């Protein structure tokens, strides 16, 4: 079993999730059950799947959860770009989270590639 909390990909994903909640907290109330819900679920999915994958015994299974986490990054990025276009939330925090997401996507891709090469 791996200690997921020590992984930089998990730490960054965790911070992205926290910051996403900060952003959606300032969205219009009519978005609470729409875009807010989608953003929060996608954001939480990033570190959650990294954590779940770390419990798997094979690198093949672990890689699968890393890929799900990467998919959640892309989903969250799309949703935040929609929010940016609509001028929802704090645009400075939103821009920072988009920057962090780009870094997370690269890190997850690299990590998945190292797992792929081990089986």
N, C-alpha and C. Protein backbone atom coordinates (compact mmCIF):
# COMPACT_ATOMS: atom_id res chain seq x y z
N UNK A 1 0.85 -1.18 0.00
CA UNK A 1 0.00 0.00 0.00
C UNK A 1 0.89 1.24 0.00
N UNK A 2 0.53 2.21 -0.82
CA UNK A 2 1.29 3.44 -0.95
C UNK A 2 0.67 4.54 -0.10
N UNK A 3 1.49 5.46 0.39
CA UNK A 3 0.97 6.59 1.16
C UNK A 3 0.64 7.72 0.18
N UNK A 4 -0.61 7.78 -0.24
CA UNK A 4 -1.04 8.74 -1.25
C UNK A 4 -0.82 10.19 -0.83
N UNK A 5 -0.87 10.48 0.47
CA UNK A 5 -0.74 11.86 0.95
C UNK A 5 0.66 12.43 0.72
N UNK A 6 1.63 11.56 0.47
CA UNK A 6 2.99 12.01 0.19
C UNK A 6 3.21 12.32 -1.29
N UNK A 7 2.28 11.92 -2.13
CA UNK A 7 2.43 12.14 -3.57
C UNK A 7 2.12 13.59 -3.95
N UNK A 8 3.00 14.19 -4.74
CA UNK A 8 2.77 15.57 -5.19
C UNK A 8 1.50 15.68 -6.03
N UNK A 9 1.19 14.64 -6.79
CA UNK A 9 -0.03 14.67 -7.60
C UNK A 9 -1.27 14.71 -6.72
N UNK A 10 -1.22 14.02 -5.59
CA UNK A 10 -2.37 14.05 -4.68
C UNK A 10 -2.44 15.41 -3.99
N UNK A 11 -1.32 15.93 -3.52
CA UNK A 11 -1.29 17.23 -2.83
C UNK A 11 -1.81 18.35 -3.72
N UNK A 12 -1.36 18.36 -4.97
CA UNK A 12 -1.83 19.39 -5.90
C UNK A 12 -3.32 19.20 -6.20
N UNK A 13 -3.74 17.95 -6.39
CA UNK A 13 -5.15 17.67 -6.64
C UNK A 13 -6.02 18.08 -5.47
N UNK A 14 -5.54 17.85 -4.26
CA UNK A 14 -6.26 18.25 -3.05
C UNK A 14 -6.44 19.77 -3.01
N UNK A 15 -5.36 20.51 -3.31
CA UNK A 15 -5.44 21.97 -3.30
C UNK A 15 -6.37 22.49 -4.40
N UNK A 16 -6.35 21.85 -5.55
CA UNK A 16 -7.27 22.22 -6.63
C UNK A 16 -8.71 22.05 -6.17
N UNK A 17 -9.00 20.96 -5.47
CA UNK A 17 -10.36 20.72 -4.97
C UNK A 17 -10.76 21.81 -3.97
N UNK A 18 -9.88 22.12 -3.04
CA UNK A 18 -10.18 23.17 -2.04
C UNK A 18 -10.43 24.51 -2.74
N UNK A 19 -9.57 24.85 -3.69
CA UNK A 19 -9.72 26.13 -4.39
C UNK A 19 -10.98 26.16 -5.26
N UNK A 20 -11.35 25.01 -5.80
CA UNK A 20 -12.58 24.94 -6.60
C UNK A 20 -13.80 25.25 -5.75
N UNK A 21 -13.80 24.76 -4.52
CA UNK A 21 -14.90 25.08 -3.60
C UNK A 21 -14.93 26.57 -3.29
N UNK A 22 -13.76 27.18 -3.16
CA UNK A 22 -13.70 28.62 -2.92
C UNK A 22 -14.29 29.39 -4.09
N UNK A 23 -13.98 28.95 -5.29
CA UNK A 23 -14.49 29.61 -6.50
C UNK A 23 -16.01 29.48 -6.57
N UNK A 24 -16.51 28.26 -6.42
CA UNK A 24 -17.95 28.04 -6.60
C UNK A 24 -18.76 28.68 -5.47
N UNK A 25 -18.13 28.95 -4.35
CA UNK A 25 -18.83 29.63 -3.26
C UNK A 25 -19.28 31.03 -3.61
N UNK A 26 -18.70 31.58 -4.68
CA UNK A 26 -19.06 32.93 -5.10
C UNK A 26 -19.92 32.96 -6.37
N UNK A 27 -20.32 31.78 -6.84
CA UNK A 27 -21.16 31.70 -8.03
C UNK A 27 -22.59 32.15 -7.70
N UNK A 28 -23.33 32.54 -8.73
CA UNK A 28 -24.75 32.87 -8.50
C UNK A 28 -25.51 31.68 -7.91
N UNK A 29 -26.46 31.96 -7.05
CA UNK A 29 -27.18 30.88 -6.36
C UNK A 29 -27.96 29.99 -7.33
N UNK A 30 -28.35 30.50 -8.47
CA UNK A 30 -29.10 29.68 -9.43
C UNK A 30 -28.22 28.60 -10.07
N UNK A 31 -26.90 28.67 -9.88
CA UNK A 31 -25.98 27.66 -10.41
C UNK A 31 -25.66 26.56 -9.40
N UNK A 32 -26.22 26.66 -8.19
CA UNK A 32 -25.87 25.75 -7.11
C UNK A 32 -26.04 24.28 -7.49
N UNK A 33 -27.09 23.95 -8.21
CA UNK A 33 -27.35 22.55 -8.54
C UNK A 33 -26.92 22.20 -9.97
N UNK A 34 -26.30 23.14 -10.63
CA UNK A 34 -25.86 22.89 -12.00
C UNK A 34 -24.33 22.91 -12.07
N UNK A 35 -23.78 24.02 -12.50
CA UNK A 35 -22.33 24.11 -12.71
C UNK A 35 -21.55 23.94 -11.40
N UNK A 36 -22.06 24.49 -10.31
CA UNK A 36 -21.37 24.36 -9.01
C UNK A 36 -21.22 22.90 -8.63
N UNK A 37 -22.28 22.15 -8.74
CA UNK A 37 -22.26 20.74 -8.40
C UNK A 37 -21.27 19.97 -9.28
N UNK A 38 -21.30 20.25 -10.58
CA UNK A 38 -20.41 19.57 -11.52
C UNK A 38 -18.95 19.88 -11.22
N UNK A 39 -18.65 21.14 -10.96
CA UNK A 39 -17.27 21.56 -10.66
C UNK A 39 -16.78 20.89 -9.39
N UNK A 40 -17.58 20.94 -8.36
CA UNK A 40 -17.15 20.36 -7.08
C UNK A 40 -16.94 18.85 -7.17
N UNK A 41 -17.82 18.17 -7.88
CA UNK A 41 -17.66 16.72 -8.02
C UNK A 41 -16.41 16.36 -8.81
N UNK A 42 -16.17 17.08 -9.90
CA UNK A 42 -14.98 16.80 -10.71
C UNK A 42 -13.71 17.11 -9.92
N UNK A 43 -13.72 18.21 -9.18
CA UNK A 43 -12.54 18.60 -8.40
C UNK A 43 -12.22 17.57 -7.31
N UNK A 44 -13.23 17.12 -6.61
CA UNK A 44 -13.03 16.13 -5.54
C UNK A 44 -12.57 14.79 -6.13
N UNK A 45 -12.99 14.49 -7.33
CA UNK A 45 -12.63 13.24 -7.98
C UNK A 45 -11.13 13.13 -8.25
N UNK A 46 -10.46 14.25 -8.44
CA UNK A 46 -9.03 14.21 -8.78
C UNK A 46 -8.22 13.56 -7.66
N UNK A 47 -8.18 14.14 -6.46
CA UNK A 47 -7.37 13.49 -5.41
C UNK A 47 -8.00 12.18 -4.91
N UNK A 48 -9.32 12.07 -5.00
CA UNK A 48 -9.98 10.85 -4.52
C UNK A 48 -9.56 9.63 -5.32
N UNK A 49 -9.47 9.77 -6.64
CA UNK A 49 -9.07 8.63 -7.46
C UNK A 49 -7.59 8.31 -7.32
N UNK A 50 -6.77 9.32 -7.08
CA UNK A 50 -5.36 9.07 -6.79
C UNK A 50 -5.26 8.25 -5.51
N UNK A 51 -6.01 8.64 -4.50
CA UNK A 51 -6.00 7.93 -3.22
C UNK A 51 -6.51 6.50 -3.39
N UNK A 52 -7.63 6.35 -4.08
CA UNK A 52 -8.18 5.00 -4.27
C UNK A 52 -7.22 4.12 -5.05
N UNK A 53 -6.62 4.67 -6.09
CA UNK A 53 -5.67 3.90 -6.89
C UNK A 53 -4.47 3.42 -6.08
N UNK A 54 -4.08 4.23 -5.11
CA UNK A 54 -2.89 3.86 -4.32
C UNK A 54 -3.13 2.61 -3.47
N UNK A 55 -4.39 2.23 -3.29
CA UNK A 55 -4.69 1.02 -2.51
C UNK A 55 -4.62 -0.24 -3.36
N UNK A 56 -4.52 -0.08 -4.66
CA UNK A 56 -4.52 -1.24 -5.56
C UNK A 56 -3.16 -1.95 -5.54
N UNK A 57 -3.21 -3.23 -5.72
CA UNK A 57 -1.97 -4.01 -5.62
C UNK A 57 -1.19 -4.09 -6.93
N UNK A 58 -1.84 -3.86 -8.04
CA UNK A 58 -1.12 -3.92 -9.32
C UNK A 58 -0.98 -2.53 -9.92
N UNK A 59 0.12 -2.32 -10.62
CA UNK A 59 0.34 -1.04 -11.29
C UNK A 59 -0.69 -0.80 -12.38
N UNK A 60 -1.17 -1.88 -12.99
CA UNK A 60 -2.19 -1.75 -14.04
C UNK A 60 -3.47 -1.15 -13.46
N UNK A 61 -3.89 -1.64 -12.30
CA UNK A 61 -5.08 -1.09 -11.65
C UNK A 61 -4.84 0.34 -11.19
N UNK A 62 -3.67 0.59 -10.63
CA UNK A 62 -3.30 1.92 -10.16
C UNK A 62 -3.37 2.92 -11.31
N UNK A 63 -2.80 2.53 -12.45
CA UNK A 63 -2.80 3.40 -13.63
C UNK A 63 -4.23 3.74 -14.05
N UNK A 64 -5.13 2.78 -13.95
CA UNK A 64 -6.52 3.02 -14.31
C UNK A 64 -7.11 4.18 -13.49
N UNK A 65 -6.84 4.20 -12.20
CA UNK A 65 -7.36 5.27 -11.35
C UNK A 65 -6.67 6.60 -11.62
N UNK A 66 -5.40 6.56 -11.99
CA UNK A 66 -4.69 7.78 -12.37
C UNK A 66 -5.31 8.35 -13.65
N UNK A 67 -5.67 7.48 -14.56
CA UNK A 67 -6.32 7.93 -15.80
C UNK A 67 -7.71 8.52 -15.52
N UNK A 68 -8.44 7.96 -14.58
CA UNK A 68 -9.73 8.53 -14.20
C UNK A 68 -9.51 9.92 -13.61
N UNK A 69 -8.49 10.06 -12.78
CA UNK A 69 -8.16 11.36 -12.19
C UNK A 69 -7.82 12.37 -13.28
N UNK A 70 -7.08 11.94 -14.28
CA UNK A 70 -6.73 12.82 -15.40
C UNK A 70 -7.99 13.24 -16.16
N UNK A 71 -8.90 12.30 -16.36
CA UNK A 71 -10.17 12.63 -17.01
C UNK A 71 -10.96 13.66 -16.21
N UNK A 72 -10.91 13.56 -14.88
CA UNK A 72 -11.59 14.54 -14.03
C UNK A 72 -10.94 15.91 -14.15
N UNK A 73 -9.62 15.94 -14.35
CA UNK A 73 -8.93 17.21 -14.58
C UNK A 73 -9.46 17.89 -15.85
N UNK A 74 -9.57 17.11 -16.91
CA UNK A 74 -10.06 17.67 -18.17
C UNK A 74 -11.51 18.13 -18.05
N UNK A 75 -12.30 17.36 -17.33
CA UNK A 75 -13.69 17.74 -17.09
C UNK A 75 -13.75 19.05 -16.30
N UNK A 76 -12.97 19.14 -15.23
CA UNK A 76 -12.95 20.35 -14.41
C UNK A 76 -12.44 21.54 -15.21
N UNK A 77 -11.43 21.33 -16.01
CA UNK A 77 -10.90 22.42 -16.83
C UNK A 77 -11.99 22.98 -17.75
N UNK A 78 -12.73 22.10 -18.38
CA UNK A 78 -13.83 22.52 -19.26
C UNK A 78 -14.87 23.33 -18.50
N UNK A 79 -15.25 22.84 -17.33
CA UNK A 79 -16.27 23.53 -16.53
C UNK A 79 -15.77 24.89 -16.04
N UNK A 80 -14.50 24.98 -15.67
CA UNK A 80 -13.96 26.27 -15.23
C UNK A 80 -13.83 27.25 -16.39
N UNK A 81 -13.54 26.74 -17.57
CA UNK A 81 -13.50 27.62 -18.74
C UNK A 81 -14.90 28.18 -19.05
N UNK A 82 -15.92 27.36 -18.85
CA UNK A 82 -17.29 27.84 -19.02
C UNK A 82 -17.58 28.93 -17.98
N UNK A 83 -17.20 28.69 -16.74
CA UNK A 83 -17.41 29.67 -15.67
C UNK A 83 -16.66 30.97 -15.99
N UNK A 84 -15.44 30.84 -16.48
CA UNK A 84 -14.64 32.02 -16.84
C UNK A 84 -15.35 32.81 -17.94
N UNK A 85 -15.83 32.10 -18.94
CA UNK A 85 -16.54 32.75 -20.06
C UNK A 85 -17.79 33.49 -19.56
N UNK A 86 -18.46 32.90 -18.58
CA UNK A 86 -19.67 33.53 -18.02
C UNK A 86 -19.35 34.57 -16.95
N UNK A 87 -18.04 34.69 -16.63
CA UNK A 87 -17.57 35.63 -15.60
C UNK A 87 -18.15 35.31 -14.22
N UNK A 88 -18.19 34.01 -13.91
CA UNK A 88 -18.65 33.56 -12.60
C UNK A 88 -17.44 33.44 -11.67
N UNK A 89 -17.63 33.79 -10.43
CA UNK A 89 -16.61 33.58 -9.41
C UNK A 89 -15.47 34.57 -9.47
N UNK A 90 -14.51 34.36 -8.61
CA UNK A 90 -13.32 35.20 -8.54
C UNK A 90 -12.40 34.79 -9.69
N UNK A 91 -12.26 35.68 -10.67
CA UNK A 91 -11.52 35.34 -11.89
C UNK A 91 -10.03 35.15 -11.65
N UNK A 92 -9.48 35.79 -10.61
CA UNK A 92 -8.06 35.61 -10.28
C UNK A 92 -7.82 34.20 -9.74
N UNK A 93 -8.68 33.76 -8.83
CA UNK A 93 -8.55 32.40 -8.29
C UNK A 93 -8.80 31.38 -9.40
N UNK A 94 -9.77 31.67 -10.23
CA UNK A 94 -10.10 30.77 -11.34
C UNK A 94 -8.90 30.61 -12.27
N UNK A 95 -8.24 31.71 -12.59
CA UNK A 95 -7.06 31.64 -13.47
C UNK A 95 -5.95 30.83 -12.82
N UNK A 96 -5.77 30.99 -11.51
CA UNK A 96 -4.74 30.23 -10.80
C UNK A 96 -5.06 28.74 -10.80
N UNK A 97 -6.33 28.39 -10.59
CA UNK A 97 -6.71 26.98 -10.59
C UNK A 97 -6.52 26.38 -11.98
N UNK A 98 -6.84 27.13 -13.02
CA UNK A 98 -6.61 26.63 -14.38
C UNK A 98 -5.12 26.37 -14.62
N UNK A 99 -4.28 27.23 -14.10
CA UNK A 99 -2.82 27.04 -14.20
C UNK A 99 -2.40 25.78 -13.44
N UNK A 100 -2.92 25.61 -12.22
CA UNK A 100 -2.61 24.43 -11.42
C UNK A 100 -3.11 23.15 -12.10
N UNK A 101 -4.26 23.24 -12.74
CA UNK A 101 -4.81 22.08 -13.45
C UNK A 101 -3.90 21.65 -14.60
N UNK A 102 -3.37 22.62 -15.33
CA UNK A 102 -2.47 22.30 -16.44
C UNK A 102 -1.24 21.56 -15.93
N UNK A 103 -0.72 22.00 -14.79
CA UNK A 103 0.42 21.32 -14.18
C UNK A 103 0.04 19.91 -13.71
N UNK A 104 -1.12 19.80 -13.09
CA UNK A 104 -1.59 18.50 -12.60
C UNK A 104 -1.77 17.52 -13.76
N UNK A 105 -2.31 17.99 -14.87
CA UNK A 105 -2.51 17.13 -16.03
C UNK A 105 -1.18 16.58 -16.54
N UNK A 106 -0.16 17.43 -16.59
CA UNK A 106 1.17 16.98 -17.03
C UNK A 106 1.75 15.98 -16.04
N UNK A 107 1.61 16.26 -14.76
CA UNK A 107 2.15 15.37 -13.73
C UNK A 107 1.46 14.01 -13.75
N UNK A 108 0.13 14.01 -13.90
CA UNK A 108 -0.61 12.75 -13.95
C UNK A 108 -0.24 11.93 -15.18
N UNK A 109 -0.09 12.61 -16.30
CA UNK A 109 0.31 11.92 -17.54
C UNK A 109 1.67 11.27 -17.37
N UNK A 110 2.61 12.00 -16.81
CA UNK A 110 3.95 11.45 -16.59
C UNK A 110 3.90 10.27 -15.62
N UNK A 111 3.12 10.42 -14.56
CA UNK A 111 3.00 9.34 -13.57
C UNK A 111 2.38 8.10 -14.19
N UNK A 112 1.33 8.29 -14.98
CA UNK A 112 0.68 7.15 -15.65
C UNK A 112 1.66 6.46 -16.60
N UNK A 113 2.50 7.24 -17.27
CA UNK A 113 3.48 6.65 -18.18
C UNK A 113 4.51 5.81 -17.43
N UNK A 114 4.89 6.23 -16.23
CA UNK A 114 5.85 5.42 -15.46
C UNK A 114 5.19 4.12 -15.02
N UNK A 115 3.90 4.18 -14.69
CA UNK A 115 3.20 2.96 -14.31
C UNK A 115 3.03 2.03 -15.52
N UNK A 116 2.76 2.61 -16.66
CA UNK A 116 2.57 1.84 -17.89
C UNK A 116 3.83 1.07 -18.23
N UNK A 117 4.98 1.68 -18.00
CA UNK A 117 6.24 1.04 -18.34
C UNK A 117 6.65 -0.05 -17.37
N UNK A 118 5.92 -0.16 -16.25
CA UNK A 118 6.32 -1.16 -15.26
C UNK A 118 5.58 -2.48 -15.39
N UNK A 119 4.64 -2.59 -16.33
CA UNK A 119 3.97 -3.89 -16.49
C UNK A 119 3.98 -4.34 -17.93
